[in-house]
């Protein structure tokens, strides 16, 4: 028993949501693996590889399961998750012979699959066929990967305990009681969750309310056993045991207005020896307040789709696309800056949209058939359906549209922002976390309609929408920084502030010598926070709790004051 200070603080600090990187656990199983062994079945092992700077390196591997073509591996892979990066993974399955070393023979290789971590978390459960070398299917072999967030702070609870008629352990005064709560882990070990302060000379103590995260309290498993001990404090550290009881968070949630939850505080030795022994007092949960805190992955793994729209600047200042000096020049050997930015950001967003269809719009050009200036047109020239198949479809639509339009002006972006905000507002009215929008605006200069754009952004800040603006070329973008609220709150011309910061602006030239991934990382880094801010402000929970065999997630419970 650790010594107790007379006033101790909660075991877990809960100043707010955790700001650390999300951690994801991956669990792997396979079905119908190829049988490579003559006398027995294959002894499979899965190796997880990650790609860094184009090179594949082994991150970890599972245990070997003997003679099994349908293995369910106990090993759990733990990875840091970044929304703003394409995190390429490769799972390779091998038949292990005797030792744990991976064989080099082709017949040791049972198949592999490549994917991104984003694809796995967006699906939560990914099932893919295993492929041999040269893309050949490994029979009917499949691999299943389950994803689960482990650093998500699923909220915290504020608990208020008191006790009545505790045993008196002191000769000349009353007991000085304190309460300890331990979480019983899966391996039966005990983890201290909270230790209350000591209440001096009192058999009916009322302890201070305390806050503890649901992760710490019960690992987000409402049926996990909690062992609660009541002690009489001794300044020399030899505390006298008063009694104990077992509880679960599910039991605690039975508290309701006027109904408190009570437990008999029992000393097992007294119970054995004394025939009429009932308890050594009772412990009462007098108040419970539950505060939910959801993470970005809670929404994504709950089924939230991210719809990606790109808006491209076709004003005359870009230069004639037929001229190699133009920002819109199509070089068969080198994508221009518009394409580089589009592909870098789009490749990440596409993992979070199940239909892989993306809206592609243009502004600032004269368009067929009448060649009137438009600041909001579909670059596939289909006003009824402005979506393209995958990012490659957007690239092709962009390349096909250039010869058909006349670059003109001015650089007005408010019409497109208003259009996407209106679309997002329709999704926002559904009152669930089913769809969030990202608008990528690619422009070569400072916007002409700055006042209208500021007004449009303030209106859009109330919708499920984030806006990324990438400045292409060498123009002076100083005035564009006003749209990015990093240096202060963006306001409409009438002085109304944005509800939340939804704009990220960067000049592409800052990343000319870096990889496209660096640009994507910079402009998308704020999106997870913006998604959580929007749904938290609206008090919207993820669509369906992320639940699987390993981690039961608590059923939705409102804040429950009892007094």
Protein backbone atom coordinates (compact mmCIF):
# COMPACT_ATOMS: atom_id res chain seq x y z
CA UNK A 1 0.00 0.00 0.00
CA UNK A 2 1.46 3.33 -1.03
CA UNK A 3 1.53 6.10 1.50
CA UNK A 4 -1.34 8.55 1.17
CA UNK A 5 -1.11 12.31 1.37
CA UNK A 6 -3.96 13.89 3.27
CA UNK A 7 -5.21 15.60 0.13
CA UNK A 8 -4.46 13.98 -3.18
CA UNK A 9 -5.43 14.88 -6.71
CA UNK A 10 -7.09 12.57 -9.27
CA UNK A 11 -4.85 10.03 -10.93
CA UNK A 12 -5.62 11.42 -14.37
CA UNK A 13 -5.52 15.06 -15.44
CA UNK A 14 -8.47 16.09 -17.56
CA UNK A 15 -7.90 19.67 -18.58
CA UNK A 16 -9.41 18.91 -22.01
CA UNK A 17 -9.26 16.58 -25.00
CA UNK A 18 -5.91 14.97 -25.63
CA UNK A 19 -3.85 16.76 -28.26
CA UNK A 20 -1.41 13.91 -28.90
CA UNK A 21 -1.32 12.06 -32.17
CA UNK A 22 -3.95 9.36 -32.63
CA UNK A 23 -2.77 5.83 -32.17
CA UNK A 24 -4.42 3.00 -34.07
CA UNK A 25 -4.32 -0.71 -33.34
CA UNK A 26 -4.58 -3.18 -36.21
CA UNK A 27 -5.66 -6.79 -35.71
CA UNK A 28 -5.11 -9.26 -38.52
CA UNK A 29 -6.67 -12.55 -39.61
CA UNK A 30 -6.55 -14.60 -42.83
CA UNK A 31 -8.79 -17.09 -44.58
CA UNK A 32 -8.18 -19.88 -47.09
CA UNK A 33 -4.39 -19.52 -47.19
CA UNK A 34 -2.44 -21.59 -49.67
CA UNK A 35 -1.22 -24.91 -48.25
CA UNK A 36 2.52 -25.01 -48.95
CA UNK A 37 3.43 -27.93 -46.67
CA UNK A 38 3.35 -31.54 -47.83
CA UNK A 39 2.52 -33.25 -44.55
CA UNK A 40 0.96 -30.44 -42.51
CA UNK A 41 -0.87 -27.22 -43.20
CA UNK A 42 1.06 -23.94 -43.57
CA UNK A 43 2.45 -22.24 -40.45
CA UNK A 44 1.56 -18.61 -41.26
CA UNK A 45 3.02 -15.36 -39.97
CA UNK A 46 2.13 -11.82 -41.15
CA UNK A 47 4.79 -9.18 -41.63
CA UNK A 48 3.74 -5.52 -41.58
CA UNK A 49 5.85 -3.20 -43.72
CA UNK A 50 5.72 0.60 -43.97
CA UNK A 51 6.93 2.77 -46.83
CA UNK A 52 9.26 5.64 -45.98
CA UNK A 53 10.84 7.73 -48.74
CA UNK A 54 9.88 5.07 -51.27
CA UNK A 55 11.56 2.25 -49.32
CA UNK A 56 9.69 -0.62 -47.66
CA UNK A 57 10.89 -1.57 -44.18
CA UNK A 58 9.52 -4.08 -41.71
CA UNK A 59 7.66 -2.49 -38.79
CA UNK A 60 6.57 -5.62 -36.93
CA UNK A 61 5.29 -9.15 -37.41
CA UNK A 62 2.74 -11.46 -35.84
CA UNK A 63 3.36 -14.70 -34.01
CA UNK A 64 3.52 -17.96 -36.01
CA UNK A 65 0.35 -20.05 -35.87
CA UNK A 66 1.07 -23.70 -36.45
CA UNK A 67 -0.74 -25.73 -39.10
CA UNK A 68 -3.60 -23.29 -39.78
CA UNK A 69 -4.98 -21.96 -43.07
CA UNK A 70 -7.49 -19.65 -41.34
CA UNK A 71 -5.35 -17.96 -38.67
CA UNK A 72 -6.55 -15.28 -36.27
CA UNK A 73 -3.42 -13.61 -34.95
CA UNK A 74 -3.16 -12.39 -31.36
CA UNK A 75 -0.42 -9.90 -32.14
CA UNK A 76 -1.65 -6.31 -32.30
CA UNK A 77 0.10 -3.77 -34.54
CA UNK A 78 0.22 -0.26 -33.07
CA UNK A 79 0.75 2.73 -35.40
CA UNK A 80 0.64 6.50 -35.16
CA UNK A 81 -2.10 7.87 -37.42
CA UNK A 82 -1.93 11.14 -39.37
CA UNK A 83 -4.90 12.22 -41.47
CA UNK A 84 -2.72 14.62 -43.45
CA UNK A 85 -0.32 11.93 -44.71
CA UNK A 86 -0.59 9.00 -47.10
CA UNK A 87 0.67 6.20 -44.87
CA UNK A 88 1.40 3.25 -47.16
CA UNK A 89 1.33 -0.22 -45.62
CA UNK A 90 2.05 -3.68 -46.94
CA UNK A 91 0.99 -6.93 -45.28
CA UNK A 92 2.96 -10.02 -46.34
CA UNK A 93 2.00 -13.54 -45.26
CA UNK A 94 4.70 -16.24 -45.04
CA UNK A 95 4.80 -19.93 -44.24
CA UNK A 96 7.44 -20.32 -41.51
CA UNK A 97 9.63 -23.43 -41.37
CA UNK A 98 10.96 -24.27 -37.92
CA UNK A 99 12.57 -20.92 -37.08
CA UNK A 100 11.04 -17.46 -36.95
CA UNK A 101 13.10 -16.21 -39.87
CA UNK A 102 11.23 -15.32 -43.03
CA UNK A 103 12.07 -17.65 -45.89
CA UNK A 104 13.47 -16.39 -49.14
CA UNK A 105 11.98 -19.10 -51.33
CA UNK A 106 8.96 -18.20 -53.45
CA UNK A 107 7.02 -21.11 -51.98
CA UNK A 108 7.32 -19.55 -48.50
CA UNK A 109 5.37 -16.49 -49.66
CA UNK A 110 1.59 -16.96 -49.22
CA UNK A 111 0.55 -13.56 -50.53
CA UNK A 112 0.56 -9.86 -49.79
CA UNK A 113 -1.53 -6.71 -50.09
CA UNK A 114 -0.80 -2.98 -50.20
CA UNK A 115 -3.10 -0.27 -48.84
CA UNK A 116 -3.02 2.95 -46.82
CA UNK A 117 -3.76 3.37 -43.14
CA UNK A 118 -6.41 5.89 -44.17
CA UNK A 119 -8.25 3.23 -46.18
CA UNK A 120 -8.27 0.87 -43.19
CA UNK A 121 -9.60 3.40 -40.66
CA UNK A 122 -12.21 4.71 -43.12
CA UNK A 123 -13.57 1.16 -43.55
CA UNK A 124 -12.80 0.09 -39.96
CA UNK A 125 -12.73 -3.49 -41.25
CA UNK A 126 -10.85 -4.06 -44.51
CA UNK A 127 -11.02 -7.38 -46.35
CA UNK A 128 -8.75 -7.83 -49.38
CA UNK A 129 -7.60 -10.76 -51.53
CA UNK A 130 -3.96 -11.76 -51.13
CA UNK A 131 -1.78 -11.41 -54.22
CA UNK A 132 1.31 -13.36 -55.19
CA UNK A 133 4.12 -11.89 -57.29
CA UNK A 134 3.16 -10.19 -60.55
CA UNK A 135 -0.39 -9.52 -59.27
CA UNK A 136 -1.57 -13.13 -59.43
CA UNK A 137 -4.31 -14.06 -56.94
CA UNK A 138 -3.24 -16.44 -54.17
CA UNK A 139 -6.20 -18.73 -54.76
CA UNK A 140 -9.13 -17.63 -52.60
CA UNK A 141 -6.87 -16.32 -49.84
CA UNK A 142 -7.98 -13.14 -48.07
CA UNK A 143 -6.64 -10.97 -45.29
CA UNK A 144 -8.86 -9.04 -42.88
CA UNK A 145 -7.56 -6.02 -40.96
CA UNK A 146 -9.57 -4.48 -38.10
CA UNK A 147 -8.74 -0.94 -36.99
CA UNK A 148 -9.38 0.52 -33.57
CA UNK A 149 -8.34 3.86 -32.13
CA UNK A 150 -6.61 3.50 -28.79
CA UNK A 151 -5.70 7.08 -27.93
CA UNK A 152 -9.19 8.45 -28.42
CA UNK A 153 -10.35 10.16 -25.24
CA UNK A 154 -13.97 8.97 -25.17
CA UNK A 155 -14.80 11.52 -22.52
CA UNK A 156 -14.60 11.66 -18.79
CA UNK A 157 -16.85 11.17 -15.80
CA UNK A 158 -17.18 13.21 -12.63
CA UNK A 159 -17.99 11.06 -9.59
CA UNK A 160 -19.06 12.01 -6.07
CA UNK A 161 -18.79 9.41 -3.31
CA UNK A 162 -19.74 9.44 0.36
CA UNK A 163 -20.04 6.76 3.03
CA UNK A 164 -22.14 6.09 6.11
CA UNK A 165 -21.59 4.22 9.37
CA UNK A 166 -18.05 3.08 8.63
CA UNK A 167 -16.30 0.94 11.22
CA UNK A 168 -14.33 2.88 13.81
CA UNK A 169 -10.71 1.72 13.72
CA UNK A 170 -9.23 4.31 16.10
CA UNK A 171 -9.11 3.94 19.87
CA UNK A 172 -9.38 7.56 20.98
CA UNK A 173 -11.03 9.10 17.93
CA UNK A 174 -13.03 8.14 14.85
CA UNK A 175 -11.60 6.66 11.65
CA UNK A 176 -9.91 8.90 9.05
CA UNK A 177 -11.31 7.24 5.89
CA UNK A 178 -10.18 7.44 2.28
CA UNK A 179 -11.38 5.52 -0.79
CA UNK A 180 -9.31 3.83 -3.51
CA UNK A 181 -10.65 2.64 -6.87
CA UNK A 182 -8.74 0.05 -8.90
CA UNK A 183 -9.46 -1.08 -12.46
CA UNK A 184 -9.12 -4.84 -12.92
CA UNK A 185 -7.35 -5.46 -16.23
CA UNK A 186 -7.84 -8.37 -18.61
CA UNK A 187 -4.84 -10.16 -17.08
CA UNK A 188 -6.35 -9.74 -13.58
CA UNK A 189 -3.76 -7.15 -12.58
CA UNK A 190 -5.04 -4.10 -10.72
CA UNK A 191 -4.44 -0.50 -11.81
CA UNK A 192 -5.06 2.35 -9.38
CA UNK A 193 -7.52 4.78 -10.96
CA UNK A 194 -8.16 7.23 -8.13
CA UNK A 195 -7.42 7.77 -4.47
CA UNK A 196 -9.58 10.28 -2.60
CA UNK A 197 -8.43 12.73 0.01
CA UNK A 198 -8.52 11.71 3.67
CA UNK A 199 -11.51 12.87 5.76
CA UNK A 200 -10.35 13.26 9.35
CA UNK A 201 -12.26 11.85 12.31
CA UNK A 202 -15.48 11.03 10.45
CA UNK A 203 -17.45 7.78 10.04
CA UNK A 204 -19.80 9.44 7.52
CA UNK A 205 -17.31 11.02 5.09
CA UNK A 206 -18.26 13.04 2.02
CA UNK A 207 -15.32 12.97 -0.39
CA UNK A 208 -14.61 15.68 -2.94
CA UNK A 209 -15.98 15.03 -6.46
CA UNK A 210 -13.27 13.94 -8.90
CA UNK A 211 -12.89 13.59 -12.65
CA UNK A 212 -11.42 10.60 -14.42
CA UNK A 213 -11.30 9.62 -18.09
CA UNK A 214 -13.36 6.64 -19.22
CA UNK A 215 -10.18 5.15 -20.65
CA UNK A 216 -8.57 5.25 -17.19
CA UNK A 217 -11.66 4.22 -15.26
CA UNK A 218 -12.76 1.19 -17.23
CA UNK A 219 -10.96 1.13 -20.60
CA UNK A 220 -14.30 2.25 -22.09
CA UNK A 221 -15.79 -1.12 -21.05
CA UNK A 222 -18.79 -0.44 -18.83
CA UNK A 223 -18.82 -4.03 -17.52
CA UNK A 224 -15.18 -4.06 -16.43
CA UNK A 225 -14.84 -4.81 -12.72
CA UNK A 226 -13.70 -2.05 -10.40
CA UNK A 227 -12.31 -2.94 -6.98
CA UNK A 228 -13.00 -0.28 -4.37
CA UNK A 229 -11.23 -0.24 -0.99
CA UNK A 230 -11.91 1.91 2.07
CA UNK A 231 -9.05 2.51 4.52
CA UNK A 232 -8.49 4.26 7.81
CA UNK A 233 -5.53 6.56 7.24
CA UNK A 234 -2.36 6.12 9.30
CA UNK A 235 0.38 8.73 9.10
CA UNK A 236 3.07 6.00 9.26
CA UNK A 237 1.63 4.29 6.17
CA UNK A 238 0.12 1.32 8.03
CA UNK A 239 -3.46 2.05 7.01
CA UNK A 240 -6.19 -0.05 8.60
CA UNK A 241 -8.48 -1.90 6.21
CA UNK A 242 -12.16 -1.02 6.72
CA UNK A 243 -13.78 -2.87 3.81
CA UNK A 244 -14.15 -3.36 0.09
CA UNK A 245 -16.75 -3.69 -2.63
CA UNK A 246 -16.81 -4.37 -6.38
CA UNK A 247 -18.59 -2.16 -8.89
CA UNK A 248 -18.88 -1.59 -12.61
CA UNK A 249 -19.46 1.61 -14.52
CA UNK A 250 -22.75 0.13 -15.77
CA UNK A 251 -23.93 -0.12 -12.14
CA UNK A 252 -22.86 3.47 -11.51
CA UNK A 253 -24.99 4.66 -14.43
CA UNK A 254 -28.14 3.41 -12.67
CA UNK A 255 -28.00 6.59 -10.66
CA UNK A 256 -30.97 8.86 -11.34
CA UNK A 257 -32.64 11.84 -9.76
CA UNK A 258 -33.31 10.97 -6.15
CA UNK A 259 -31.92 7.42 -6.49
CA UNK A 260 -28.36 6.96 -5.35
CA UNK A 261 -26.29 3.83 -5.90
CA UNK A 262 -25.05 2.13 -2.72
CA UNK A 263 -22.69 -0.75 -1.96
CA UNK A 264 -22.06 -2.66 1.24
CA UNK A 265 -18.49 -2.08 2.36
CA UNK A 266 -17.45 -5.59 3.43
CA UNK A 267 -14.44 -6.87 5.36
CA UNK A 268 -14.10 -10.52 4.16
CA UNK A 269 -12.43 -11.62 7.44
CA UNK A 270 -15.30 -10.27 9.54
CA UNK A 271 -17.81 -11.88 7.17
CA UNK A 272 -16.19 -15.27 7.73
CA UNK A 273 -15.88 -14.98 11.49
CA UNK A 274 -19.05 -13.13 12.51
CA UNK A 275 -22.36 -14.90 11.96
CA UNK A 276 -24.53 -11.76 12.02
CA UNK A 277 -22.03 -9.52 10.20
CA UNK A 278 -23.67 -7.40 7.51
CA UNK A 279 -21.11 -4.77 6.55
CA UNK A 280 -18.55 -2.29 7.80
CA UNK A 281 -20.62 0.60 6.50
CA UNK A 282 -22.05 1.57 3.12
CA UNK A 283 -20.47 3.57 0.29
CA UNK A 284 -22.77 5.76 -1.76
CA UNK A 285 -22.37 7.23 -5.26
CA UNK A 286 -24.26 10.49 -4.80
CA UNK A 287 -23.59 12.12 -8.17
CA UNK A 288 -22.38 11.17 -11.65
CA UNK A 289 -21.79 13.54 -14.55
CA UNK A 290 -20.70 12.03 -17.86
CA UNK A 291 -18.91 14.23 -20.41
CA UNK A 292 -18.41 12.79 -23.88
CA UNK A 293 -15.35 13.80 -25.89
CA UNK A 294 -15.13 12.42 -29.42
CA UNK A 295 -12.07 12.31 -31.65
CA UNK A 296 -11.75 12.72 -35.41
CA UNK A 297 -11.38 8.95 -35.79
CA UNK A 298 -14.56 8.37 -33.78
CA UNK A 299 -16.42 10.25 -36.53
CA UNK A 300 -14.52 8.65 -39.44
CA UNK A 301 -14.82 5.11 -38.05
CA UNK A 302 -18.46 5.82 -37.24
CA UNK A 303 -19.09 6.27 -40.96
CA UNK A 304 -18.52 9.99 -41.66
CA UNK A 305 -17.64 10.51 -45.33
CA UNK A 306 -15.43 13.37 -46.48
CA UNK A 307 -16.57 14.89 -49.77
CA UNK A 308 -13.77 16.58 -51.70
CA UNK A 309 -14.31 19.47 -54.13
CA UNK A 310 -11.62 21.27 -56.10
CA UNK A 311 -12.05 24.76 -57.58
CA UNK A 312 -9.51 25.88 -60.19
CA UNK A 313 -8.59 29.43 -61.20
CA UNK A 314 -8.92 29.94 -64.98
CA UNK A 315 -8.25 33.68 -65.05
CA UNK A 316 -6.09 35.23 -67.80
CA UNK A 317 -3.24 36.05 -65.41
CA UNK A 318 -2.30 32.35 -65.52
CA UNK A 319 -1.06 32.82 -69.09
CA UNK A 320 -2.05 31.08 -72.32
CA UNK A 321 -2.13 27.31 -71.61
CA UNK A 322 -0.43 26.69 -74.99
CA UNK A 323 2.61 28.66 -73.82
CA UNK A 324 5.20 26.77 -71.74
CA UNK A 325 5.40 29.77 -69.37
CA UNK A 326 1.71 29.41 -68.46
CA UNK A 327 0.77 28.04 -65.04
CA UNK A 328 -1.79 25.90 -66.92
CA UNK A 329 0.70 24.52 -69.44
CA UNK A 330 0.37 20.75 -69.76
CA UNK A 331 3.86 19.29 -69.83
CA UNK A 332 3.70 15.57 -70.68
CA UNK A 333 6.76 14.92 -68.49
CA UNK A 334 6.05 17.15 -65.50
CA UNK A 335 2.66 18.05 -63.93
CA UNK A 336 2.11 21.78 -63.44
CA UNK A 337 1.61 23.33 -59.99
CA UNK A 338 -2.18 23.10 -60.24
CA UNK A 339 -1.98 19.35 -60.82
CA UNK A 340 0.67 18.81 -58.17
CA UNK A 341 -1.44 20.52 -55.51
CA UNK A 342 -4.63 18.80 -56.66
CA UNK A 343 -3.10 15.31 -56.63
CA UNK A 344 -1.27 15.80 -53.30
CA UNK A 345 -4.40 16.84 -51.41
CA UNK A 346 -6.85 14.69 -53.37
CA UNK A 347 -4.91 11.47 -52.86
CA UNK A 348 -5.40 11.78 -49.11
CA UNK A 349 -9.05 12.85 -49.20
CA UNK A 350 -10.07 10.02 -51.53
CA UNK A 351 -9.47 7.40 -48.84
CA UNK A 352 -12.37 8.86 -46.83
CA UNK A 353 -15.02 8.93 -49.58
CA UNK A 354 -16.52 5.52 -50.36
CA UNK A 355 -17.80 6.35 -53.87
CA UNK A 356 -14.50 8.02 -54.89
CA UNK A 357 -16.37 10.71 -56.87
CA UNK A 358 -15.16 14.30 -56.55
CA UNK A 359 -16.65 17.61 -57.62
CA UNK A 360 -14.40 19.64 -59.94
CA UNK A 361 -15.26 23.30 -60.57
CA UNK A 362 -13.69 26.25 -62.33
CA UNK A 363 -13.92 30.04 -62.08
CA UNK A 364 -12.78 33.11 -64.01
CA UNK A 365 -13.17 31.76 -67.59
CA UNK A 366 -15.42 32.25 -70.58
CA UNK A 367 -17.07 28.90 -71.19
CA UNK A 368 -18.97 27.33 -74.09
CA UNK A 369 -21.41 27.51 -75.71
CA UNK A 370 -21.92 31.28 -75.34
CA UNK A 371 -18.50 32.08 -73.91
CA UNK A 372 -19.87 34.14 -71.06
CA UNK A 373 -17.71 34.59 -67.96
CA UNK A 374 -18.49 32.08 -65.23
CA UNK A 375 -17.22 31.98 -61.65
CA UNK A 376 -18.78 28.62 -60.89
CA UNK A 377 -18.80 25.96 -63.61
CA UNK A 378 -18.26 22.22 -63.81
CA UNK A 379 -15.00 21.53 -65.64
CA UNK A 380 -16.60 18.41 -67.18
CA UNK A 381 -19.26 20.82 -68.56
CA UNK A 382 -22.07 18.75 -67.02
CA UNK A 383 -23.98 21.11 -64.71
CA UNK A 384 -26.24 18.24 -63.63
CA UNK A 385 -23.31 16.16 -62.38
CA UNK A 386 -20.03 17.95 -61.69
CA UNK A 387 -18.39 14.85 -60.17
CA UNK A 388 -15.45 12.95 -61.65
CA UNK A 389 -14.36 9.36 -61.05
CA UNK A 390 -11.44 9.38 -58.63
CA UNK A 391 -8.61 11.91 -58.66
CA UNK A 392 -7.49 10.70 -62.09
CA UNK A 393 -10.93 11.64 -63.44
CA UNK A 394 -10.47 15.17 -62.10
CA UNK A 395 -7.04 15.39 -63.76
CA UNK A 396 -8.47 14.26 -67.11
CA UNK A 397 -11.42 16.68 -66.88
CA UNK A 398 -8.98 19.53 -66.15
CA UNK A 399 -6.79 18.65 -69.13
CA UNK A 400 -9.79 18.23 -71.46
CA UNK A 401 -11.38 21.51 -70.44
CA UNK A 402 -8.37 23.77 -71.07
CA UNK A 403 -8.65 23.85 -74.91
CA UNK A 404 -12.39 24.57 -74.69
CA UNK A 405 -12.37 27.67 -72.49
CA UNK A 406 -11.03 31.21 -72.70
CA UNK A 407 -9.07 32.34 -69.66
CA UNK A 408 -10.52 35.66 -68.47
CA UNK A 409 -11.35 37.15 -65.04
CA UNK A 410 -11.76 38.56 -62.46
CA UNK A 411 -10.69 36.23 -59.59
CA UNK A 412 -14.01 35.82 -57.79
CA UNK A 413 -14.17 32.84 -55.42
CA UNK A 414 -17.21 33.73 -53.27
CA UNK A 415 -19.72 32.11 -55.69
CA UNK A 416 -18.06 28.70 -55.33
CA UNK A 417 -17.68 29.05 -51.55
CA UNK A 418 -21.39 29.94 -51.30
CA UNK A 419 -22.30 26.99 -53.52
CA UNK A 420 -20.37 24.42 -51.46
CA UNK A 421 -21.55 25.98 -48.19
CA UNK A 422 -25.14 25.62 -49.39
CA UNK A 423 -24.47 21.99 -50.28
CA UNK A 424 -22.87 21.43 -46.87
CA UNK A 425 -25.81 23.17 -45.18
CA UNK A 426 -28.10 20.53 -46.69
CA UNK A 427 -25.92 17.84 -45.12
CA UNK A 428 -25.78 19.83 -41.87
CA UNK A 429 -29.58 19.84 -41.63
CA UNK A 430 -29.57 16.04 -41.49
CA UNK A 431 -28.32 16.36 -37.89
CA UNK A 432 -25.91 13.47 -38.07
CA UNK A 433 -22.19 13.13 -38.68
CA UNK A 434 -22.56 11.50 -42.10
CA UNK A 435 -20.74 13.94 -44.39
CA UNK A 436 -18.12 16.67 -44.08
CA UNK A 437 -16.84 18.79 -46.99
CA UNK A 438 -13.36 19.92 -47.97
CA UNK A 439 -13.08 22.63 -50.63
CA UNK A 440 -9.65 23.05 -52.25
CA UNK A 441 -9.31 26.38 -54.08
CA UNK A 442 -6.30 26.71 -56.40
CA UNK A 443 -5.64 30.31 -57.49
CA UNK A 444 -2.79 32.31 -59.00
CA UNK A 445 -3.55 35.64 -57.38
CA UNK A 446 -5.29 37.62 -54.67
CA UNK A 447 -9.07 37.32 -54.94
CA UNK A 448 -10.87 40.29 -56.46
CA UNK A 449 -14.08 39.92 -54.42
CA UNK A 450 -12.39 40.03 -51.00
CA UNK A 451 -15.37 41.53 -49.15
CA UNK A 452 -17.81 38.95 -50.57
CA UNK A 453 -15.29 36.18 -49.89
CA UNK A 454 -14.95 37.19 -46.24
CA UNK A 455 -18.74 37.24 -45.92
CA UNK A 456 -18.99 33.82 -47.61
CA UNK A 457 -16.37 32.30 -45.27
CA UNK A 458 -18.14 33.63 -42.16
CA UNK A 459 -21.40 32.05 -43.39
CA UNK A 460 -19.58 28.81 -44.30
CA UNK A 461 -18.01 28.53 -40.84
CA UNK A 462 -21.42 27.41 -39.55
CA UNK A 463 -21.49 24.42 -41.93
CA UNK A 464 -19.61 21.07 -42.05
CA UNK A 465 -16.92 22.51 -44.33
CA UNK A 466 -13.19 23.24 -44.37
CA UNK A 467 -11.55 25.43 -47.03
CA UNK A 468 -7.98 25.05 -48.27
CA UNK A 469 -6.55 27.76 -50.53
CA UNK A 470 -3.28 27.12 -52.36
CA UNK A 471 -1.65 30.09 -54.06
CA UNK A 472 -0.05 28.96 -57.34
CA UNK A 473 2.72 30.96 -59.08
CA UNK A 474 4.78 33.92 -57.94
CA UNK A 475 2.14 36.55 -57.17
CA UNK A 476 2.21 38.58 -53.94
CA UNK A 477 -0.24 36.70 -51.72
CA UNK A 478 0.14 38.95 -48.66
CA UNK A 479 -3.50 40.04 -48.78
CA UNK A 480 -4.65 36.41 -48.85
CA UNK A 481 -3.28 35.80 -45.36
CA UNK A 482 -6.27 37.68 -43.97
CA UNK A 483 -8.49 34.75 -44.97
CA UNK A 484 -6.44 32.37 -42.83
CA UNK A 485 -7.45 33.07 -39.25
CA UNK A 486 -4.06 32.10 -37.80
CA UNK A 487 -3.09 35.74 -37.16
CA UNK A 488 -6.45 36.82 -35.79
CA UNK A 489 -10.16 36.19 -36.18
CA UNK A 490 -11.51 36.63 -39.72
CA UNK A 491 -14.52 38.93 -39.80
CA UNK A 492 -17.13 39.79 -42.39
CA UNK A 493 -17.21 43.38 -43.73
CA UNK A 494 -19.91 44.07 -41.12
CA UNK A 495 -17.63 42.85 -38.32
CA UNK A 496 -19.20 39.44 -37.67
CA UNK A 497 -16.51 36.89 -36.68
CA UNK A 498 -16.25 33.37 -38.04
CA UNK A 499 -17.78 30.74 -35.78
CA UNK A 500 -14.62 28.63 -36.18
CA UNK A 501 -11.41 28.89 -38.19
CA UNK A 502 -12.06 26.88 -41.37
CA UNK A 503 -9.52 28.34 -43.85
CA UNK A 504 -5.93 27.29 -44.42
CA UNK A 505 -3.91 29.30 -46.97
CA UNK A 506 -0.42 28.45 -48.24
CA UNK A 507 1.59 29.60 -51.25
CA UNK A 508 2.68 26.61 -53.36
CA UNK A 509 6.12 28.15 -53.85
CA UNK A 510 6.91 27.48 -50.18
CA UNK A 511 6.87 23.77 -51.08
CA UNK A 512 8.53 23.87 -54.52
CA UNK A 513 11.65 22.11 -53.30
CA UNK A 514 9.73 19.75 -50.99
CA UNK A 515 7.69 16.70 -51.89
CA UNK A 516 3.97 17.08 -52.71
CA UNK A 517 3.31 15.16 -49.47
CA UNK A 518 4.75 18.11 -47.51
CA UNK A 519 2.15 20.44 -49.05
CA UNK A 520 -0.69 18.05 -48.22
CA UNK A 521 0.61 17.61 -44.69
CA UNK A 522 0.64 21.37 -44.14
CA UNK A 523 -2.79 22.20 -45.55
CA UNK A 524 -4.65 19.18 -44.15
CA UNK A 525 -3.15 19.13 -40.65
CA UNK A 526 -5.94 21.32 -39.22
CA UNK A 527 -8.84 19.37 -40.78
CA UNK A 528 -9.30 16.75 -38.01
CA UNK A 529 -9.57 19.51 -35.40
CA UNK A 530 -12.02 21.43 -37.59
CA UNK A 531 -14.22 18.34 -38.04
CA UNK A 532 -14.35 17.72 -34.28
CA UNK A 533 -14.99 21.42 -33.56
CA UNK A 534 -17.98 21.48 -35.94
CA UNK A 535 -19.68 18.36 -34.60
CA UNK A 536 -18.87 19.27 -30.97
CA UNK A 537 -20.42 22.71 -31.43
CA UNK A 538 -23.53 21.07 -32.88
CA UNK A 539 -23.48 18.43 -30.08
CA UNK A 540 -23.56 15.71 -32.75
CA UNK A 541 -22.19 12.28 -31.82
CA UNK A 542 -20.61 9.87 -34.31
CA UNK A 543 -23.29 8.08 -36.33
CA UNK A 544 -22.77 4.69 -34.74
CA UNK A 545 -20.50 3.86 -31.82
CA UNK A 546 -17.34 2.13 -32.96
CA UNK A 547 -17.71 -1.25 -31.32
CA UNK A 548 -16.11 -4.59 -31.88
CA UNK A 549 -15.16 -7.68 -29.95
CA UNK A 550 -12.13 -6.16 -28.30
CA UNK A 551 -13.35 -2.83 -26.98
CA UNK A 552 -16.98 -2.36 -25.95
CA UNK A 553 -17.83 1.31 -26.23
CA UNK A 554 -20.14 2.80 -23.67
CA UNK A 555 -23.73 3.33 -24.59
CA UNK A 556 -24.65 7.01 -25.02
CA UNK A 557 -25.42 8.51 -21.62
CA UNK A 558 -26.36 12.09 -21.05
CA UNK A 559 -24.83 14.17 -18.31
CA UNK A 560 -26.65 12.86 -15.26
CA UNK A 561 -26.72 15.14 -12.24
CA UNK A 562 -28.69 13.69 -9.37
CA UNK A 563 -29.41 16.74 -7.30
